[in-house]
Amino acid sequence: MPLRALVILLLVANVLYFAWSRGGLAMFGTVPAQMSQGEPERLTQQIRPQLLTILKDDEASRP
């Protein structure tokens, strides 16, 4: 019986951690640090993103 209780406890802990890390517990005021702040440093590191073009497979293989 103690092993079964331990497995159930670990399963519940994993589900709660997953919900917390995905922001599912935000209604209770618990939000991970990276979700609340975002990533503004990535936006400032971009250099001329308007020059980026998306190519299809056949266009990318041509020199």
C-alpha atoms as a PDB file:
ATOM      1  CA  MET A   1       0.000   0.000   0.000  1.00  0.00           C
ATOM      2  CA  PRO A   2       2.740   2.593   0.745  1.00  0.00           C
ATOM      3  CA  LEU A   3       4.251   2.117  -2.714  1.00  0.00           C
ATOM      4  CA  ARG A   4       0.871   2.733  -4.348  1.00  0.00           C
ATOM      5  CA  ALA A   5       0.436   5.929  -2.325  1.00  0.00           C
ATOM      6  CA  LEU A   6       3.900   7.103  -3.361  1.00  0.00           C
ATOM      7  CA  VAL A   7       3.178   6.496  -7.043  1.00  0.00           C
ATOM      8  CA  ILE A   8      -0.135   8.371  -6.821  1.00  0.00           C
ATOM      9  CA  LEU A   9       1.550  11.243  -4.973  1.00  0.00           C
ATOM     10  CA  LEU A  10       4.263  11.499  -7.644  1.00  0.00           C
ATOM     11  CA  LEU A  11       1.665  11.400 -10.413  1.00  0.00           C
ATOM     12  CA  VAL A  12      -0.331  14.212  -8.798  1.00  0.00           C
ATOM     13  CA  ALA A  13       2.849  16.236  -8.270  1.00  0.00           C
ATOM     14  CA  ASN A  14       3.801  15.832 -11.949  1.00  0.00           C
ATOM     15  CA  VAL A  15       0.349  16.893 -13.135  1.00  0.00           C
ATOM     16  CA  LEU A  16       0.417  19.950 -10.880  1.00  0.00           C
ATOM     17  CA  TYR A  17       3.918  20.891 -12.063  1.00  0.00           C
ATOM     18  CA  PHE A  18       2.888  20.512 -15.708  1.00  0.00           C
ATOM     19  CA  ALA A  19      -0.181  22.691 -15.161  1.00  0.00           C
ATOM     20  CA  TRP A  20       1.895  25.320 -13.342  1.00  0.00           C
ATOM     21  CA  SER A  21       4.647  25.400 -15.983  1.00  0.00           C
ATOM     22  CA  ARG A  22       2.079  25.875 -18.791  1.00  0.00           C
ATOM     23  CA  GLY A  23       0.327  28.703 -16.953  1.00  0.00           C
ATOM     24  CA  GLY A  24      -2.724  26.625 -16.104  1.00  0.00           C
ATOM     25  CA  LEU A  25      -2.680  27.725 -12.482  1.00  0.00           C
ATOM     26  CA  ALA A  26      -2.575  31.450 -13.286  1.00  0.00           C
ATOM     27  CA  MET A  27      -6.100  31.882 -11.920  1.00  0.00           C
ATOM     28  CA  PHE A  28      -4.672  31.084  -8.492  1.00  0.00           C
ATOM     29  CA  GLY A  29      -1.902  33.661  -8.840  1.00  0.00           C
ATOM     30  CA  THR A  30       0.893  31.203  -9.556  1.00  0.00           C
ATOM     31  CA  VAL A  31       2.678  31.988 -12.808  1.00  0.00           C
ATOM     32  CA  PRO A  32       6.208  30.891 -13.735  1.00  0.00           C
ATOM     33  CA  ALA A  33       8.714  33.737 -14.034  1.00  0.00           C
ATOM     34  CA  GLN A  34       9.339  33.286 -17.762  1.00  0.00           C
ATOM     35  CA  MET A  35       5.626  33.523 -18.597  1.00  0.00           C
ATOM     36  CA  SER A  36       5.052  36.718 -16.702  1.00  0.00           C
ATOM     37  CA  GLN A  37       8.000  38.569 -18.262  1.00  0.00           C
ATOM     38  CA  GLY A  38       8.132  37.216 -21.805  1.00  0.00           C
ATOM     39  CA  GLU A  39      11.348  37.482 -23.797  1.00  0.00           C
ATOM     40  CA  PRO A  40      11.942  41.138 -24.690  1.00  0.00           C
ATOM     41  CA  GLU A  41      15.677  40.530 -25.137  1.00  0.00           C
ATOM     42  CA  ARG A  42      14.993  38.343 -28.190  1.00  0.00           C
ATOM     43  CA  LEU A  43      13.072  41.156 -29.838  1.00  0.00           C
ATOM     44  CA  THR A  44      15.903  43.592 -29.275  1.00  0.00           C
ATOM     45  CA  GLN A  45      18.463  41.133 -30.724  1.00  0.00           C
ATOM     46  CA  GLN A  46      16.706  40.852 -34.087  1.00  0.00           C
ATOM     47  CA  ILE A  47      18.499  42.573 -36.946  1.00  0.00           C
ATOM     48  CA  ARG A  48      16.272  43.659 -39.863  1.00  0.00           C
ATOM     49  CA  PRO A  49      13.639  40.902 -39.567  1.00  0.00           C
ATOM     50  CA  GLN A  50      11.759  42.379 -42.552  1.00  0.00           C
ATOM     51  CA  LEU A  51      14.456  40.934 -44.848  1.00  0.00           C
ATOM     52  CA  LEU A  52      13.498  37.375 -43.902  1.00  0.00           C
ATOM     53  CA  THR A  53      11.745  35.469 -46.701  1.00  0.00           C
ATOM     54  CA  ILE A  54      10.168  32.045 -46.486  1.00  0.00           C
ATOM     55  CA  LEU A  55      11.000  29.732 -49.371  1.00  0.00           C
ATOM     56  CA  LYS A  56       9.308  26.539 -50.502  1.00  0.00           C
ATOM     57  CA  ASP A  57      11.331  23.328 -50.748  1.00  0.00           C
ATOM     58  CA  ASP A  58      11.994  23.586 -54.482  1.00  0.00           C
ATOM     59  CA  GLU A  59      13.012  27.249 -54.225  1.00  0.00           C
ATOM     60  CA  ALA A  60      15.432  26.542 -51.387  1.00  0.00           C
ATOM     61  CA  SER A  61      17.274  23.802 -53.261  1.00  0.00           C
ATOM     62  CA  ARG A  62      18.158  26.101 -56.182  1.00  0.00           C
ATOM     63  CA  PRO A  63      21.448  28.020 -55.791  1.00  0.00           C
END
